[in-house]
C-alpha atoms as a PDB file:
ATOM      1  CA  MET A   1      51.193  88.870  28.126  1.00  0.00           C
ATOM      2  CA  ALA A   2      53.182  91.984  26.143  1.00  0.00           C
ATOM      3  CA  VAL A   3      51.044  93.811  23.197  1.00  0.00           C
ATOM      4  CA  ASP A   4      52.794  92.718  20.113  1.00  0.00           C
ATOM      5  CA  LYS A   5      52.637  96.451  18.974  1.00  0.00           C
ATOM      6  CA  LEU A   6      54.212  95.865  15.513  1.00  0.00           C
ATOM      7  CA  ALA A   7      52.147  93.419  14.453  1.00  0.00           C
ATOM      8  CA  GLY A   8      49.179  95.546  15.629  1.00  0.00           C
ATOM      9  CA  THR A   9      50.040  97.980  13.348  1.00  0.00           C
ATOM     10  CA  GLY A  10      50.259  95.468  10.503  1.00  0.00           C
ATOM     11  CA  ALA A  11      46.826  94.579  11.460  1.00  0.00           C
ATOM     12  CA  ILE A  12      45.893  98.191  10.505  1.00  0.00           C
ATOM     13  CA  PHE A  13      47.755  98.606   7.822  1.00  0.00           C
ATOM     14  CA  PHE A  14      46.021  95.072   6.496  1.00  0.00           C
ATOM     15  CA  LEU A  15      42.436  96.491   7.365  1.00  0.00           C
ATOM     16  CA  ILE A  16      43.454  99.406   5.158  1.00  0.00           C
ATOM     17  CA  THR A  17      44.108  98.079   2.101  1.00  0.00           C
ATOM     18  CA  LEU A  18      41.193  95.518   2.375  1.00  0.00           C
ATOM     19  CA  ALA A  19      39.045  98.444   2.636  1.00  0.00           C
ATOM     20  CA  GLY A  20      40.368 100.145  -0.285  1.00  0.00           C
ATOM     21  CA  PHE A  21      39.432  96.470  -2.038  1.00  0.00           C
ATOM     22  CA  LEU A  22      35.773  96.986  -0.370  1.00  0.00           C
ATOM     23  CA  ILE A  23      35.209 100.075  -2.103  1.00  0.00           C
ATOM     24  CA  VAL A  24      37.151  98.958  -5.607  1.00  0.00           C
ATOM     25  CA  PHE A  25      34.574  96.159  -5.332  1.00  0.00           C
ATOM     26  CA  GLY A  26      31.543  98.341  -4.322  1.00  0.00           C
ATOM     27  CA  VAL A  27      31.825 101.091  -7.409  1.00  0.00           C
ATOM     28  CA  GLN A  28      32.649  98.321  -9.432  1.00  0.00           C
ATOM     29  CA  TYR A  29      29.800  96.239  -9.105  1.00  0.00           C
ATOM     30  CA  ARG A  30      27.184  99.296  -8.508  1.00  0.00           C
ATOM     31  CA  ASN A  31      28.300 100.592 -12.212  1.00  0.00           C
ATOM     32  CA  MET A  32      28.462  96.453 -13.790  1.00  0.00           C
ATOM     33  CA  THR A  33      26.441  96.587 -16.930  1.00  0.00           C
ATOM     34  CA  ALA A  34      25.626  94.141 -19.325  1.00  0.00           C
ATOM     35  CA  ALA A  35      27.959  95.462 -22.113  1.00  0.00           C
ATOM     36  CA  ASN A  36      30.986  95.670 -19.845  1.00  0.00           C
ATOM     37  CA  GLU A  37      30.379  92.598 -17.037  1.00  0.00           C
ATOM     38  CA  ARG A  38      33.025  90.520 -17.850  1.00  0.00           C
ATOM     39  CA  LEU A  39      35.874  93.436 -17.774  1.00  0.00           C
ATOM     40  CA  THR A  40      34.721  94.651 -14.609  1.00  0.00           C
ATOM     41  CA  ILE A  41      35.202  91.020 -12.878  1.00  0.00           C
ATOM     42  CA  LEU A  42      38.384  90.511 -14.603  1.00  0.00           C
ATOM     43  CA  ILE A  43      39.617  93.647 -13.678  1.00  0.00           C
ATOM     44  CA  THR A  44      37.503  93.471  -9.971  1.00  0.00           C
ATOM     45  CA  ARG A  45      39.296  90.658  -9.496  1.00  0.00           C
ATOM     46  CA  THR A  46      42.793  91.970 -10.592  1.00  0.00           C
ATOM     47  CA  ALA A  47      42.383  94.336  -7.816  1.00  0.00           C
ATOM     48  CA  MET A  48      42.392  91.852  -5.091  1.00  0.00           C
ATOM     49  CA  PHE A  49      46.223  91.664  -5.285  1.00  0.00           C
ATOM     50  CA  LEU A  50      46.969  94.615  -2.764  1.00  0.00           C
ATOM     51  CA  PRO A  51      44.881  93.360   0.312  1.00  0.00           C
ATOM     52  CA  LEU A  52      46.341  89.473  -0.517  1.00  0.00           C
ATOM     53  CA  TYR A  53      50.034  90.821  -0.245  1.00  0.00           C
ATOM     54  CA  SER A  54      49.357  92.568   2.942  1.00  0.00           C
ATOM     55  CA  PHE A  55      47.390  90.137   4.538  1.00  0.00           C
ATOM     56  CA  PHE A  56      50.349  87.447   3.298  1.00  0.00           C
ATOM     57  CA  MET A  57      53.011  89.963   4.939  1.00  0.00           C
ATOM     58  CA  LEU A  58      50.535  89.821   8.223  1.00  0.00           C
ATOM     59  CA  ILE A  59      50.936  86.412   8.030  1.00  0.00           C
ATOM     60  CA  SER A  60      54.759  86.994   8.151  1.00  0.00           C
ATOM     61  CA  LEU A  61      54.313  89.791  10.459  1.00  0.00           C
ATOM     62  CA  ALA A  62      53.040  88.136  13.197  1.00  0.00           C
ATOM     63  CA  ALA A  63      54.980  84.461  12.681  1.00  0.00           C
ATOM     64  CA  PRO A  64      58.458  85.861  10.689  1.00  0.00           C
ATOM     65  CA  LYS A  65      59.484  81.778  10.522  1.00  0.00           C
ATOM     66  CA  ALA A  66      56.752  81.679   7.878  1.00  0.00           C
ATOM     67  CA  LEU A  67      57.348  84.310   5.514  1.00  0.00           C
ATOM     68  CA  GLY A  68      59.342  81.935   2.867  1.00  0.00           C
ATOM     69  CA  ALA A  69      55.965  79.604   2.854  1.00  0.00           C
ATOM     70  CA  MET A  70      53.916  82.805   2.421  1.00  0.00           C
ATOM     71  CA  GLN A  71      56.451  83.844  -0.788  1.00  0.00           C
ATOM     72  CA  ILE A  72      54.620  80.914  -2.328  1.00  0.00           C
ATOM     73  CA  PRO A  73      51.144  82.069  -2.427  1.00  0.00           C
ATOM     74  CA  ILE A  74      52.602  85.795  -2.980  1.00  0.00           C
ATOM     75  CA  ALA A  75      54.615  84.812  -6.269  1.00  0.00           C
ATOM     76  CA  PHE A  76      51.115  82.655  -7.300  1.00  0.00           C
ATOM     77  CA  VAL A  77      49.114  86.078  -6.246  1.00  0.00           C
ATOM     78  CA  GLU A  78      51.904  88.557  -8.408  1.00  0.00           C
ATOM     79  CA  GLY A  79      51.829  86.114 -11.350  1.00  0.00           C
ATOM     80  CA  TYR A  80      48.517  85.620 -11.488  1.00  0.00           C
ATOM     81  CA  SER A  81      47.303  89.233 -11.538  1.00  0.00           C
ATOM     82  CA  PHE A  82      49.392  89.845 -14.254  1.00  0.00           C
ATOM     83  CA  TYR A  83      47.592  87.019 -16.633  1.00  0.00           C
ATOM     84  CA  CYS A  84      44.459  88.688 -15.120  1.00  0.00           C
ATOM     85  CA  PHE A  85      45.474  91.375 -16.601  1.00  0.00           C
ATOM     86  CA  LEU A  86      46.420  90.434 -19.815  1.00  0.00           C
ATOM     87  CA  ALA A  87      43.377  88.398 -19.861  1.00  0.00           C
ATOM     88  CA  VAL A  88      41.626  92.038 -19.664  1.00  0.00           C
ATOM     89  CA  LEU A  89      43.318  93.622 -22.563  1.00  0.00           C
ATOM     90  CA  VAL A  90      42.542  90.102 -24.807  1.00  0.00           C
ATOM     91  CA  GLU A  91      38.571  90.419 -23.697  1.00  0.00           C
ATOM     92  CA  ASN A  92      39.065  94.030 -24.325  1.00  0.00           C
ATOM     93  CA  LEU A  93      40.218  93.416 -27.968  1.00  0.00           C
ATOM     94  CA  GLY A  94      37.330  91.252 -28.965  1.00  0.00           C
ATOM     95  CA  GLY A  95      39.094  87.509 -27.649  1.00  0.00           C
ATOM     96  CA  PRO A  96      42.496  86.105 -29.155  1.00  0.00           C
ATOM     97  CA  ALA A  97      41.384  85.767 -32.631  1.00  0.00           C
ATOM     98  CA  LYS A  98      40.229  89.781 -32.392  1.00  0.00           C
ATOM     99  CA  ALA A  99      43.852  90.369 -30.385  1.00  0.00           C
ATOM    100  CA  VAL A 100      46.126  88.630 -33.316  1.00  0.00           C
ATOM    101  CA  GLU A 101      43.832  90.534 -35.945  1.00  0.00           C
ATOM    102  CA  ALA A 102      44.811  94.151 -34.052  1.00  0.00           C
ATOM    103  CA  LEU A 103      47.917  93.099 -34.215  1.00  0.00           C
ATOM    104  CA  GLN A 104      48.542  93.046 -37.686  1.00  0.00           C
ATOM    105  CA  GLY A 105      50.299  95.821 -39.532  1.00  0.00           C
ATOM    106  CA  ARG A 106      51.818  96.980 -36.224  1.00  0.00           C
ATOM    107  CA  PRO A 107      55.918  98.012 -35.719  1.00  0.00           C
ATOM    108  CA  LEU A 108      56.008  94.405 -32.966  1.00  0.00           C
ATOM    109  CA  ILE A 109      59.228  94.954 -31.431  1.00  0.00           C
ATOM    110  CA  CYS A 110      61.314  91.636 -31.340  1.00  0.00           C
ATOM    111  CA  CYS A 111      60.332  88.673 -28.941  1.00  0.00           C
ATOM    112  CA  THR A 112      60.929  85.881 -31.179  1.00  0.00           C
ATOM    113  CA  SER A 113      63.540  84.305 -33.260  1.00  0.00           C
ATOM    114  CA  GLN A 114      61.855  85.732 -36.140  1.00  0.00           C
ATOM    115  CA  CYS A 115      62.050  89.659 -36.364  1.00  0.00           C
ATOM    116  CA  PRO A 116      59.645  91.744 -37.324  1.00  0.00           C
ATOM    117  CA  PRO A 117      57.645  88.882 -35.192  1.00  0.00           C
ATOM    118  CA  GLU A 118      55.132  87.677 -37.032  1.00  0.00           C
ATOM    119  CA  PRO A 119      51.369  88.847 -35.012  1.00  0.00           C
ATOM    120  CA  ASP A 120      50.214  84.968 -33.962  1.00  0.00           C
ATOM    121  CA  LYS A 121      53.912  84.194 -33.015  1.00  0.00           C
ATOM    122  CA  PHE A 122      54.139  87.839 -31.059  1.00  0.00           C
ATOM    123  CA  TYR A 123      51.001  86.947 -29.277  1.00  0.00           C
ATOM    124  CA  ASN A 124      51.666  83.134 -28.215  1.00  0.00           C
ATOM    125  CA  LYS A 125      55.295  84.075 -27.427  1.00  0.00           C
ATOM    126  CA  VAL A 126      53.134  87.091 -24.832  1.00  0.00           C
ATOM    127  CA  VAL A 127      50.717  84.455 -23.328  1.00  0.00           C
ATOM    128  CA  TRP A 128      53.442  81.664 -22.846  1.00  0.00           C
ATOM    129  CA  ALA A 129      55.874  84.384 -20.980  1.00  0.00           C
ATOM    130  CA  VAL A 130      52.927  85.373 -18.680  1.00  0.00           C
ATOM    131  CA  PHE A 131      52.023  81.957 -17.887  1.00  0.00           C
ATOM    132  CA  TRP A 132      55.386  80.936 -16.791  1.00  0.00           C
ATOM    133  CA  PHE A 133      55.236  83.920 -14.420  1.00  0.00           C
ATOM    134  CA  VAL A 134      51.815  82.262 -12.889  1.00  0.00           C
ATOM    135  CA  SER A 135      53.421  78.618 -13.133  1.00  0.00           C
ATOM    136  CA  LEU A 136      57.245  78.189 -12.923  1.00  0.00           C
ATOM    137  CA  ARG A 137      57.846  80.890 -10.568  1.00  0.00           C
ATOM    138  CA  PRO A 138      55.953  79.761  -8.212  1.00  0.00           C
ATOM    139  CA  VAL A 139      57.591  76.405  -8.292  1.00  0.00           C
ATOM    140  CA  VAL A 140      61.109  78.188  -8.495  1.00  0.00           C
ATOM    141  CA  VAL A 141      59.875  79.794  -5.336  1.00  0.00           C
ATOM    142  CA  ILE A 142      58.928  76.983  -3.313  1.00  0.00           C
ATOM    143  CA  ILE A 143      62.466  75.927  -4.241  1.00  0.00           C
ATOM    144  CA  GLY A 144      63.720  78.509  -2.639  1.00  0.00           C
ATOM    145  CA  ALA A 145      61.731  78.290   0.339  1.00  0.00           C
ATOM    146  CA  ILE A 146      63.115  74.567   0.881  1.00  0.00           C
ATOM    147  CA  CYS A 147      66.153  76.453   1.038  1.00  0.00           C
ATOM    148  CA  ASP A 148      65.457  79.106   2.806  1.00  0.00           C
ATOM    149  CA  TYR A 149      64.205  76.838   6.007  1.00  0.00           C
ATOM    150  CA  SER A 150      67.510  74.801   5.652  1.00  0.00           C
ATOM    151  CA  LYS A 151      68.898  77.217   8.346  1.00  0.00           C
ATOM    152  CA  SER A 152      72.249  76.711   6.991  1.00  0.00           C
ATOM    153  CA  LYS A 153      74.399  79.348   5.007  1.00  0.00           C
ATOM    154  CA  ALA A 154      74.379  77.500   2.110  1.00  0.00           C
ATOM    155  CA  GLY A 155      70.523  77.324   1.968  1.00  0.00           C
ATOM    156  CA  LYS A 156      70.575  80.808   2.445  1.00  0.00           C
ATOM    157  CA  LEU A 157      73.014  81.540  -0.074  1.00  0.00           C
ATOM    158  CA  VAL A 158      70.987  79.150  -2.585  1.00  0.00           C
ATOM    159  CA  TYR A 159      67.876  80.649  -1.601  1.00  0.00           C
ATOM    160  CA  LEU A 160      69.187  84.091  -2.180  1.00  0.00           C
ATOM    161  CA  LEU A 161      70.277  82.661  -5.764  1.00  0.00           C
ATOM    162  CA  VAL A 162      66.869  81.290  -6.489  1.00  0.00           C
ATOM    163  CA  THR A 163      65.207  84.777  -5.628  1.00  0.00           C
ATOM    164  CA  LEU A 164      67.261  86.530  -8.349  1.00  0.00           C
ATOM    165  CA  LEU A 165      66.217  83.560 -10.728  1.00  0.00           C
ATOM    166  CA  ALA A 166      62.139  84.128  -9.808  1.00  0.00           C
ATOM    167  CA  LEU A 167      63.242  87.665 -10.333  1.00  0.00           C
ATOM    168  CA  ALA A 168      64.640  86.963 -14.008  1.00  0.00           C
ATOM    169  CA  ILE A 169      61.596  85.311 -14.725  1.00  0.00           C
ATOM    170  CA  LEU A 170      59.372  87.999 -13.392  1.00  0.00           C
ATOM    171  CA  VAL A 171      61.446  90.560 -15.469  1.00  0.00           C
ATOM    172  CA  ARG A 172      61.026  88.423 -18.651  1.00  0.00           C
ATOM    173  CA  SER A 173      57.518  88.003 -18.058  1.00  0.00           C
ATOM    174  CA  ILE A 174      56.932  91.981 -17.912  1.00  0.00           C
ATOM    175  CA  ILE A 175      58.596  92.997 -20.684  1.00  0.00           C
ATOM    176  CA  HIS A 176      56.640  90.965 -22.891  1.00  0.00           C
ATOM    177  CA  PHE A 177      53.307  92.038 -21.490  1.00  0.00           C
ATOM    178  CA  VAL A 178      54.696  95.883 -21.546  1.00  0.00           C
ATOM    179  CA  LEU A 179      55.399  94.951 -25.612  1.00  0.00           C
ATOM    180  CA  PHE A 180      51.943  93.732 -25.958  1.00  0.00           C
ATOM    181  CA  TYR A 181      50.316  96.298 -24.309  1.00  0.00           C
ATOM    182  CA  GLU A 182      52.630  98.920 -26.101  1.00  0.00           C
ATOM    183  CA  ALA A 183      51.122  97.291 -29.463  1.00  0.00           C
ATOM    184  CA  VAL A 184      47.327  97.521 -28.514  1.00  0.00           C
ATOM    185  CA  PHE A 185      47.533 100.957 -26.798  1.00  0.00           C
ATOM    186  CA  ASP A 186      45.608 102.580 -29.019  1.00  0.00           C
ATOM    187  CA  LYS A 187      43.251 100.215 -28.922  1.00  0.00           C
ATOM    188  CA  SER A 188      42.791  99.468 -25.071  1.00  0.00           C
ATOM    189  CA  SER A 189      42.545 103.622 -23.756  1.00  0.00           C
ATOM    190  CA  ASN A 190      38.966 102.564 -22.546  1.00  0.00           C
ATOM    191  CA  LEU A 191      40.590 100.497 -20.019  1.00  0.00           C
ATOM    192  CA  LYS A 192      42.730 103.641 -18.352  1.00  0.00           C
ATOM    193  CA  GLY A 193      45.071 100.907 -17.956  1.00  0.00           C
ATOM    194  CA  VAL A 194      48.846 102.459 -17.793  1.00  0.00           C
ATOM    195  CA  LEU A 195      48.536 103.542 -13.740  1.00  0.00           C
ATOM    196  CA  LYS A 196      47.137  99.699 -13.256  1.00  0.00           C
ATOM    197  CA  VAL A 197      49.778  98.408 -15.152  1.00  0.00           C
ATOM    198  CA  MET A 198      52.295 100.435 -13.124  1.00  0.00           C
ATOM    199  CA  LEU A 199      50.693  99.579  -9.985  1.00  0.00           C
ATOM    200  CA  LEU A 200      51.084  96.161 -10.801  1.00  0.00           C
ATOM    201  CA  LYS A 201      54.828  96.164 -11.263  1.00  0.00           C
ATOM    202  CA  PHE A 202      55.885  98.107  -8.692  1.00  0.00           C
ATOM    203  CA  SER A 203      54.242  96.087  -5.712  1.00  0.00           C
ATOM    204  CA  VAL A 204      55.413  93.964  -7.406  1.00  0.00           C
ATOM    205  CA  GLY A 205      59.049  95.354  -7.252  1.00  0.00           C
ATOM    206  CA  LEU A 206      58.497  96.089  -3.495  1.00  0.00           C
ATOM    207  CA  ILE A 207      58.252  92.444  -2.359  1.00  0.00           C
ATOM    208  CA  VAL A 208      60.941  91.286  -4.555  1.00  0.00           C
ATOM    209  CA  LEU A 209      63.528  94.114  -4.254  1.00  0.00           C
ATOM    210  CA  GLN A 210      63.244  94.511  -0.314  1.00  0.00           C
ATOM    211  CA  GLY A 211      63.422  91.095  -0.080  1.00  0.00           C
ATOM    212  CA  LEU A 212      66.792  90.892  -1.567  1.00  0.00           C
ATOM    213  CA  VAL A 213      67.760  93.857   0.962  1.00  0.00           C
ATOM    214  CA  GLU A 214      66.422  91.869   3.941  1.00  0.00           C
ATOM    215  CA  GLN A 215      68.261  88.643   2.823  1.00  0.00           C
ATOM    216  CA  PHE A 216      71.390  90.614   3.032  1.00  0.00           C
ATOM    217  CA  LEU A 217      70.741  91.783   6.016  1.00  0.00           C
ATOM    218  CA  VAL A 218      69.746  88.051   7.602  1.00  0.00           C
ATOM    219  CA  LEU A 219      73.019  87.335   5.659  1.00  0.00           C
ATOM    220  CA  THR A 220      75.421  89.962   7.451  1.00  0.00           C
ATOM    221  CA  ASN A 221      73.577  89.449  10.986  1.00  0.00           C
ATOM    222  CA  SER A 222      72.360  92.889  11.091  1.00  0.00           C
ATOM    223  CA  GLU A 223      69.807  94.128  13.220  1.00  0.00           C
ATOM    224  CA  PRO A 224      67.012  97.132  11.669  1.00  0.00           C
ATOM    225  CA  TYR A 225      66.134  98.229  15.255  1.00  0.00           C
ATOM    226  CA  THR A 226      66.281  98.120  19.140  1.00  0.00           C
ATOM    227  CA  ASP A 227      63.595  97.027  21.210  1.00  0.00           C
ATOM    228  CA  ASP A 228      62.781  95.145  24.405  1.00  0.00           C
ATOM    229  CA  SER A 229      60.913  92.378  22.533  1.00  0.00           C
ATOM    230  CA  ASN A 230      62.903  88.902  22.682  1.00  0.00           C
ATOM    231  CA  TRP A 231      62.729  88.881  18.928  1.00  0.00           C
ATOM    232  CA  ASN A 232      66.383  87.824  17.523  1.00  0.00           C
ATOM    233  CA  LYS A 233      67.859  89.523  14.643  1.00  0.00           C
ATOM    234  CA  GLU A 234      66.967  87.632  11.961  1.00  0.00           C
ATOM    235  CA  ASP A 235      62.939  87.492  12.717  1.00  0.00           C
ATOM    236  CA  LYS A 236      63.511  91.555  13.470  1.00  0.00           C
ATOM    237  CA  THR A 237      64.994  91.661   9.968  1.00  0.00           C
ATOM    238  CA  LEU A 238      61.741  89.939   8.832  1.00  0.00           C
ATOM    239  CA  ARG A 239      59.372  91.572  10.789  1.00  0.00           C
ATOM    240  CA  GLY A 240      60.614  94.898  10.040  1.00  0.00           C
ATOM    241  CA  TYR A 241      60.823  94.088   5.683  1.00  0.00           C
ATOM    242  CA  CYS A 242      57.171  93.054   6.276  1.00  0.00           C
ATOM    243  CA  LEU A 243      55.664  95.879   7.954  1.00  0.00           C
ATOM    244  CA  LEU A 244      57.913  98.085   5.923  1.00  0.00           C
ATOM    245  CA  VAL A 245      56.425  96.363   2.645  1.00  0.00           C
ATOM    246  CA  MET A 246      52.847  96.893   4.294  1.00  0.00           C
ATOM    247  CA  LEU A 247      52.819 100.823   4.820  1.00  0.00           C
ATOM    248  CA  GLU A 248      53.927 101.163   1.462  1.00  0.00           C
ATOM    249  CA  PHE A 249      50.970  98.715   0.260  1.00  0.00           C
ATOM    250  CA  VAL A 250      48.918 101.822   2.617  1.00  0.00           C
ATOM    251  CA  ILE A 251      50.667 104.444   0.681  1.00  0.00           C
ATOM    252  CA  LEU A 252      49.594 103.024  -2.588  1.00  0.00           C
ATOM    253  CA  GLN A 253      46.192 103.200  -1.728  1.00  0.00           C
ATOM    254  CA  LEU A 254      45.467 106.804  -3.338  1.00  0.00           C
ATOM    255  CA  PRO A 255      46.972 105.517  -6.452  1.00  0.00           C
ATOM    256  CA  TYR A 256      44.919 102.066  -6.702  1.00  0.00           C
ATOM    257  CA  LEU A 257      41.389 103.501  -5.897  1.00  0.00           C
ATOM    258  CA  VAL A 258      42.158 105.745  -8.738  1.00  0.00           C
ATOM    259  CA  ALA A 259      43.285 103.007 -10.869  1.00  0.00           C
ATOM    260  CA  PHE A 260      40.469 100.487  -9.856  1.00  0.00           C
ATOM    261  CA  THR A 261      37.826 102.269  -9.365  1.00  0.00           C
ATOM    262  CA  PRO A 262      36.692 103.723 -12.342  1.00  0.00           C
ATOM    263  CA  THR A 263      33.597 102.136 -14.708  1.00  0.00           C
ATOM    264  CA  VAL A 264      35.204 100.787 -17.829  1.00  0.00           C
ATOM    265  CA  VAL A 265      33.205 101.158 -21.285  1.00  0.00           C
ATOM    266  CA  ALA A 266      33.552  98.093 -23.157  1.00  0.00           C
ATOM    267  CA  ASN A 267      34.676  98.848 -26.843  1.00  0.00           C
ATOM    268  CA  THR A 268      32.409  98.598 -29.724  1.00  0.00           C
ATOM    269  CA  ARG A 269      33.249  96.487 -32.645  1.00  0.00           C
ATOM    270  CA  GLU A 270      31.866  96.871 -35.477  1.00  0.00           C
ATOM    271  CA  GLY A 271      28.518  95.031 -36.140  1.00  0.00           C
ATOM    272  CA  GLN A 272      28.125  94.788 -32.436  1.00  0.00           C
ATOM    273  CA  GLU A 273      25.423  96.171 -30.292  1.00  0.00           C
ATOM    274  CA  VAL A 274      25.549  97.503 -27.215  1.00  0.00           C
ATOM    275  CA  ALA A 275      23.812  95.826 -24.324  1.00  0.00           C
ATOM    276  CA  ALA A 276      21.714  97.570 -22.434  1.00  0.00           C
ATOM    277  CA  PRO A 277      22.139  98.213 -18.599  1.00  0.00           C
ATOM    278  CA  LYS A 278      21.172  95.639 -16.453  1.00  0.00           C
ATOM    279  CA  ALA A 279      21.600  94.532 -12.594  1.00  0.00           C
ATOM    280  CA  PRO A 280      23.319  91.765 -11.857  1.00  0.00           C
ATOM    281  CA  THR A 281      22.841  89.854  -9.099  1.00  0.00           C
ATOM    282  CA  PHE A 282      25.623  90.274  -5.800  1.00  0.00           C
ATOM    283  CA  CYS A 283      26.338  86.654  -6.115  1.00  0.00           C
ATOM    284  CA  HIS A 284      26.531  85.885  -9.637  1.00  0.00           C
ATOM    285  CA  PHE A 285      29.129  88.770  -9.437  1.00  0.00           C
ATOM    286  CA  VAL A 286      31.155  87.584  -6.362  1.00  0.00           C
ATOM    287  CA  LEU A 287      31.285  83.997  -7.775  1.00  0.00           C
ATOM    288  CA  GLN A 288      32.885  84.698 -11.037  1.00  0.00           C
ATOM    289  CA  ILE A 289      35.384  87.026  -9.344  1.00  0.00           C
ATOM    290  CA  PHE A 290      36.600  84.279  -6.935  1.00  0.00           C
ATOM    291  CA  CYS A 291      36.099  81.733 -10.003  1.00  0.00           C
ATOM    292  CA  VAL A 292      39.174  82.106 -10.804  1.00  0.00           C
ATOM    293  CA  HIS A 293      40.282  79.318 -13.217  1.00  0.00           C
ATOM    294  CA  ASP A 294      38.331  80.464 -16.068  1.00  0.00           C
ATOM    295  CA  ILE A 295      40.928  82.571 -17.637  1.00  0.00           C
ATOM    296  CA  PHE A 296      43.420  79.303 -17.940  1.00  0.00           C
ATOM    297  CA  GLY A 297      42.806  78.324 -21.795  1.00  0.00           C
ATOM    298  CA  TYR A 298      41.117  81.461 -22.816  1.00  0.00           C
ATOM    299  CA  LEU A 299      43.951  83.173 -24.614  1.00  0.00           C
ATOM    300  CA  ARG A 300      45.291  80.441 -26.082  1.00  0.00           C
ATOM    301  CA  TYR A 301      45.372  81.013 -29.728  1.00  0.00           C
ATOM    302  CA  ASN A 302      44.848  77.849 -32.115  1.00  0.00           C
ATOM    303  CA  ASP A 303      44.982  76.717 -35.695  1.00  0.00           C
ATOM    304  CA  GLU A 304      40.971  77.198 -35.853  1.00  0.00           C
ATOM    305  CA  MET A 305      41.457  80.699 -35.203  1.00  0.00           C
ATOM    306  CA  GLN A 306      44.586  81.243 -37.311  1.00  0.00           C
ATOM    307  CA  GLN A 307      42.544  79.549 -40.300  1.00  0.00           C
ATOM    308  CA  ASN A 308      39.630  82.275 -39.600  1.00  0.00           C
ATOM    309  CA  LEU A 309      41.717  85.006 -39.328  1.00  0.00           C
ATOM    310  CA  ALA A 310      43.653  84.150 -42.701  1.00  0.00           C
ATOM    311  CA  SER A 311      40.006  83.988 -44.340  1.00  0.00           C
ATOM    312  CA  ASN A 312      38.700  87.044 -43.420  1.00  0.00           C
ATOM    313  CA  MET A 313      41.568  88.921 -44.452  1.00  0.00           C
ATOM    314  CA  LYS A 314      41.515  87.712 -47.737  1.00  0.00           C
END
């Protein structure tokens, strides 16, 4: 039985990205205190995006026919990573009410029908845009995957169009996210988040844009490389695409470690005492990282918060 050298190389690339995350995990756990516990958990959870991308690409490299299906969890991880980092920003500001309060008096760029936008409407618009990224976009990707598995030229064309729609949702969400981050940038300097955001955007861009190139090569029946394997031209194109993306993820390991290993010092707000360091249990840290549902609903800014903010500003 012939050795699949491409799959073996991909497995090595995945182990490198996994090792990078384990380094981030170990450093963040070691430096976690009571003051920065929640921020540390959210940042470590956000950092899971790179090894997860690499893992799904490894499956697609070993079984090219699975690439369409693997785009579904990849789309969810993409959206969740941005939503989780938005939760990091809001948590760092003190919660949704404090985040809206931080937007007061800021020169907000219009992303609503009202210009200049009110801070609460601007905030809710950002939250919904990023939420669509983690909810609506995977649905669009599921439709694309179904069309891709039809194995017809029409299905491939629809898949390409659906991919473009998914890209439009991605771009819209990222624009709203960046507008919010820019508005609160001076209050979020302790997060050292610029490189984190760049890595989130760049890694997503690698998958999406190169995926469009891969679909073009499939439609034109191109052969990206020649060897003595039994893979057909389409499978070779898919495998070449997966291995290239995984290689680029390996190259990103250095900026990834630079971005996610520094200790985050929690913002100290007026009237708040900084908690003394403690030694959280390892099991608690692991369970909190994988409790991925706890940020849904947390970012919501409701009428009660609006009334409290109005009374505080009087």
